[in-house]
Amino acid sequence: MASLTTSGIEGLSLSMAELAKLPDEVIRGMLLAQGEVVKNAQQAEIGSLGLVHSGKLQKSIAVDPKYRTDKDGVTRYINVYPKGTHHTYAGRMKTKVYKVSKHGRTYSYGGGQKTATDQDVGFVQEFGSKRRGIARSEWMKKANEKAEAEAERAAMKVYENYLNKLNL
């Protein structure tokens, strides 16, 4: 009859318990490493598709360092998207006639300065605008798909550094 004897298995089970609960700073480091890769891919995709007019959209892409958790409490994520003000423009002034006016009195509304954000510009470039004749380019979707493997490698590098710190 064969017998099995082990030595030091208690330490291995403790290490597995530690691995099951990754510290928040390791998860945050993994997400930020992935975010930087995705940011660079999105900036490169904007340039390769020729969507650069002033360069504001390309420069505005940023990794939001705020680390969020989904409703289920398990899924953690960060956002990578265009941030900031892109440009301002004069709003259209409209004139209307009062409904009950015997003398054709009018009033005006609208006008003033309007602000377009980089998110607005990025959205229009991503999905297009039929009224303005802007074709759909899907720059963000393409960039995210291209960066998937490299982002995974960046996260694994942070994870491997954590494992080396634990001598595993």
Foldseek 3Di string as FASTA:
>chain_A
DDDDDDDPVVVVVVVVVCVVDDDPVLVLQLQVLLLVLLLVLLLVLCVVVVVDDPCQLSVQWDKASDWDADPVRPDIHTDTHGFDWDDKDWWDKDKDFDPPDPVRDIDIDGTDIDTDTSRNVVVCQQPNDVVVPRHHDNSSVVSCVVSVVVSVVSSVVSVVVVCVVVVD
